[in-house]
Amino acid sequence: MAMNPMQQMLANAQRMQRELQKAHAALAEKEFHVSKGGMVELTMLGDRSVKELVIDKDALDPENAEMLSDTIALALNEALEAIGKEYDEIEERITGKTGLF
């Protein structure tokens, strides 16, 4: 029995939603690594949680506080940007558009 156009559209939307959920679940577990000048090493997961932050002991000198703070912020922003880019690529690949769901 052939589906009418509305049923076909609904079936396609449900298939895309399942594919998106599967891809987003895989992204949530993926690790993103960023290293900044040997001072800071950051590992974030695709769900935007920090898995590990390693700070070089020499960077903990009080005179380096501002530079260390800036370096951590740079590492976080770089990792978040990489995660966002991959998320958008998933959306584009599955739906043909970014930010659809």
C-alpha atoms as a PDB file:
ATOM      1  CA  MET A   1       0.000   0.000   0.000  1.00  0.00           C
ATOM      2  CA  ALA A   2       1.455   3.349  -1.036  1.00  0.00           C
ATOM      3  CA  MET A   3       1.710   6.192   1.446  1.00  0.00           C
ATOM      4  CA  ASN A   4       0.042   9.488   0.705  1.00  0.00           C
ATOM      5  CA  PRO A   5       2.299  12.566   0.581  1.00  0.00           C
ATOM      6  CA  MET A   6       1.483  13.592   4.156  1.00  0.00           C
ATOM      7  CA  GLN A   7       2.325  10.119   5.500  1.00  0.00           C
ATOM      8  CA  GLN A   8       5.547  10.131   3.465  1.00  0.00           C
ATOM      9  CA  MET A   9       6.533  13.538   4.867  1.00  0.00           C
ATOM     10  CA  LEU A  10       5.790  12.386   8.415  1.00  0.00           C
ATOM     11  CA  ALA A  11       7.784   9.175   7.909  1.00  0.00           C
ATOM     12  CA  ASN A  12      10.742  11.177   6.573  1.00  0.00           C
ATOM     13  CA  ALA A  13      10.583  13.578   9.526  1.00  0.00           C
ATOM     14  CA  GLN A  14      10.513  10.673  11.987  1.00  0.00           C
ATOM     15  CA  ARG A  15      13.471   9.020  10.224  1.00  0.00           C
ATOM     16  CA  MET A  16      15.459  12.285  10.357  1.00  0.00           C
ATOM     17  CA  GLN A  17      14.618  12.697  14.040  1.00  0.00           C
ATOM     18  CA  ARG A  18      15.893   9.163  14.795  1.00  0.00           C
ATOM     19  CA  GLU A  19      19.086   9.820  12.822  1.00  0.00           C
ATOM     20  CA  LEU A  20      19.610  13.132  14.634  1.00  0.00           C
ATOM     21  CA  GLN A  21      19.125  11.517  18.041  1.00  0.00           C
ATOM     22  CA  LYS A  22      21.634   8.799  17.191  1.00  0.00           C
ATOM     23  CA  ALA A  23      24.188  11.295  15.836  1.00  0.00           C
ATOM     24  CA  HIS A  24      23.731  13.649  18.810  1.00  0.00           C
ATOM     25  CA  ALA A  25      24.208  10.744  21.241  1.00  0.00           C
ATOM     26  CA  ALA A  26      27.463   9.811  19.490  1.00  0.00           C
ATOM     27  CA  LEU A  27      28.600  13.449  19.547  1.00  0.00           C
ATOM     28  CA  ALA A  28      27.837  13.691  23.280  1.00  0.00           C
ATOM     29  CA  GLU A  29      30.396  10.934  23.953  1.00  0.00           C
ATOM     30  CA  LYS A  30      33.079  12.232  21.560  1.00  0.00           C
ATOM     31  CA  GLU A  31      36.159  13.817  23.149  1.00  0.00           C
ATOM     32  CA  PHE A  32      37.536  17.153  22.015  1.00  0.00           C
ATOM     33  CA  HIS A  33      41.131  17.916  23.036  1.00  0.00           C
ATOM     34  CA  VAL A  34      42.689  21.368  23.191  1.00  0.00           C
ATOM     35  CA  SER A  35      46.220  22.226  24.279  1.00  0.00           C
ATOM     36  CA  LYS A  36      47.368  25.803  24.846  1.00  0.00           C
ATOM     37  CA  GLY A  37      51.094  26.383  24.940  1.00  0.00           C
ATOM     38  CA  GLY A  38      51.758  23.538  27.332  1.00  0.00           C
ATOM     39  CA  MET A  39      50.107  25.545  30.113  1.00  0.00           C
ATOM     40  CA  VAL A  40      46.639  24.081  29.774  1.00  0.00           C
ATOM     41  CA  GLU A  41      45.287  20.830  28.348  1.00  0.00           C
ATOM     42  CA  LEU A  42      41.537  20.493  28.145  1.00  0.00           C
ATOM     43  CA  THR A  43      39.323  17.569  27.236  1.00  0.00           C
ATOM     44  CA  MET A  44      35.635  18.243  26.721  1.00  0.00           C
ATOM     45  CA  LEU A  45      32.893  15.890  25.666  1.00  0.00           C
ATOM     46  CA  GLY A  46      30.475  16.690  22.892  1.00  0.00           C
ATOM     47  CA  ASP A  47      27.750  17.261  25.479  1.00  0.00           C
ATOM     48  CA  ARG A  48      29.826  20.322  26.494  1.00  0.00           C
ATOM     49  CA  SER A  49      30.965  18.875  29.802  1.00  0.00           C
ATOM     50  CA  VAL A  50      34.587  19.168  30.897  1.00  0.00           C
ATOM     51  CA  LYS A  51      36.154  15.731  31.209  1.00  0.00           C
ATOM     52  CA  GLU A  52      39.642  16.843  32.186  1.00  0.00           C
ATOM     53  CA  LEU A  53      41.570  20.056  32.736  1.00  0.00           C
ATOM     54  CA  VAL A  54      45.312  19.778  33.262  1.00  0.00           C
ATOM     55  CA  ILE A  55      47.252  22.871  34.289  1.00  0.00           C
ATOM     56  CA  ASP A  56      51.035  22.850  34.181  1.00  0.00           C
ATOM     57  CA  LYS A  57      52.393  23.391  37.710  1.00  0.00           C
ATOM     58  CA  ASP A  58      54.638  26.228  36.489  1.00  0.00           C
ATOM     59  CA  ALA A  59      51.534  28.068  35.278  1.00  0.00           C
ATOM     60  CA  LEU A  60      50.191  28.174  38.839  1.00  0.00           C
ATOM     61  CA  ASP A  61      52.602  30.937  39.837  1.00  0.00           C
ATOM     62  CA  PRO A  62      50.519  33.861  41.182  1.00  0.00           C
ATOM     63  CA  GLU A  63      52.267  36.158  38.707  1.00  0.00           C
ATOM     64  CA  ASN A  64      50.737  34.067  35.890  1.00  0.00           C
ATOM     65  CA  ALA A  65      47.167  34.232  37.222  1.00  0.00           C
ATOM     66  CA  GLU A  66      45.758  36.539  34.539  1.00  0.00           C
ATOM     67  CA  MET A  67      47.556  34.735  31.710  1.00  0.00           C
ATOM     68  CA  LEU A  68      46.402  31.366  33.062  1.00  0.00           C
ATOM     69  CA  SER A  69      42.820  32.583  33.284  1.00  0.00           C
ATOM     70  CA  ASP A  70      42.961  33.859  29.694  1.00  0.00           C
ATOM     71  CA  THR A  71      44.515  30.577  28.512  1.00  0.00           C
ATOM     72  CA  ILE A  72      41.792  28.489  30.152  1.00  0.00           C
ATOM     73  CA  ALA A  73      39.117  30.704  28.580  1.00  0.00           C
ATOM     74  CA  LEU A  74      40.757  30.334  25.160  1.00  0.00           C
ATOM     75  CA  ALA A  75      40.890  26.550  25.515  1.00  0.00           C
ATOM     76  CA  LEU A  76      37.233  26.367  26.577  1.00  0.00           C
ATOM     77  CA  ASN A  77      36.116  28.616  23.725  1.00  0.00           C
ATOM     78  CA  GLU A  78      38.119  26.635  21.171  1.00  0.00           C
ATOM     79  CA  ALA A  79      36.637  23.339  22.352  1.00  0.00           C
ATOM     80  CA  LEU A  80      33.092  24.756  22.410  1.00  0.00           C
ATOM     81  CA  GLU A  81      33.557  26.121  18.900  1.00  0.00           C
ATOM     82  CA  ALA A  82      34.721  22.703  17.639  1.00  0.00           C
ATOM     83  CA  ILE A  83      31.719  21.020  19.285  1.00  0.00           C
ATOM     84  CA  GLY A  84      29.330  23.583  17.794  1.00  0.00           C
ATOM     85  CA  LYS A  85      30.854  23.155  14.343  1.00  0.00           C
ATOM     86  CA  GLU A  86      30.454  19.387  14.517  1.00  0.00           C
ATOM     87  CA  TYR A  87      26.859  19.759  15.761  1.00  0.00           C
ATOM     88  CA  ASP A  88      26.065  22.035  12.800  1.00  0.00           C
ATOM     89  CA  GLU A  89      27.679  19.544  10.397  1.00  0.00           C
ATOM     90  CA  ILE A  90      25.438  16.783  11.776  1.00  0.00           C
ATOM     91  CA  GLU A  91      22.347  18.957  11.328  1.00  0.00           C
ATOM     92  CA  GLU A  92      23.384  19.879   7.781  1.00  0.00           C
ATOM     93  CA  ARG A  93      24.181  16.281   6.802  1.00  0.00           C
ATOM     94  CA  ILE A  94      20.900  14.839   8.104  1.00  0.00           C
ATOM     95  CA  THR A  95      18.415  17.639   7.516  1.00  0.00           C
ATOM     96  CA  GLY A  96      20.085  19.696   4.827  1.00  0.00           C
ATOM     97  CA  LYS A  97      19.856  22.730   7.111  1.00  0.00           C
ATOM     98  CA  THR A  98      21.496  23.951  10.305  1.00  0.00           C
ATOM     99  CA  GLY A  99      19.440  24.644  13.407  1.00  0.00           C
ATOM    100  CA  LEU A 100      16.324  22.861  12.137  1.00  0.00           C
ATOM    101  CA  PHE A 101      15.694  20.850  15.323  1.00  0.00           C
END
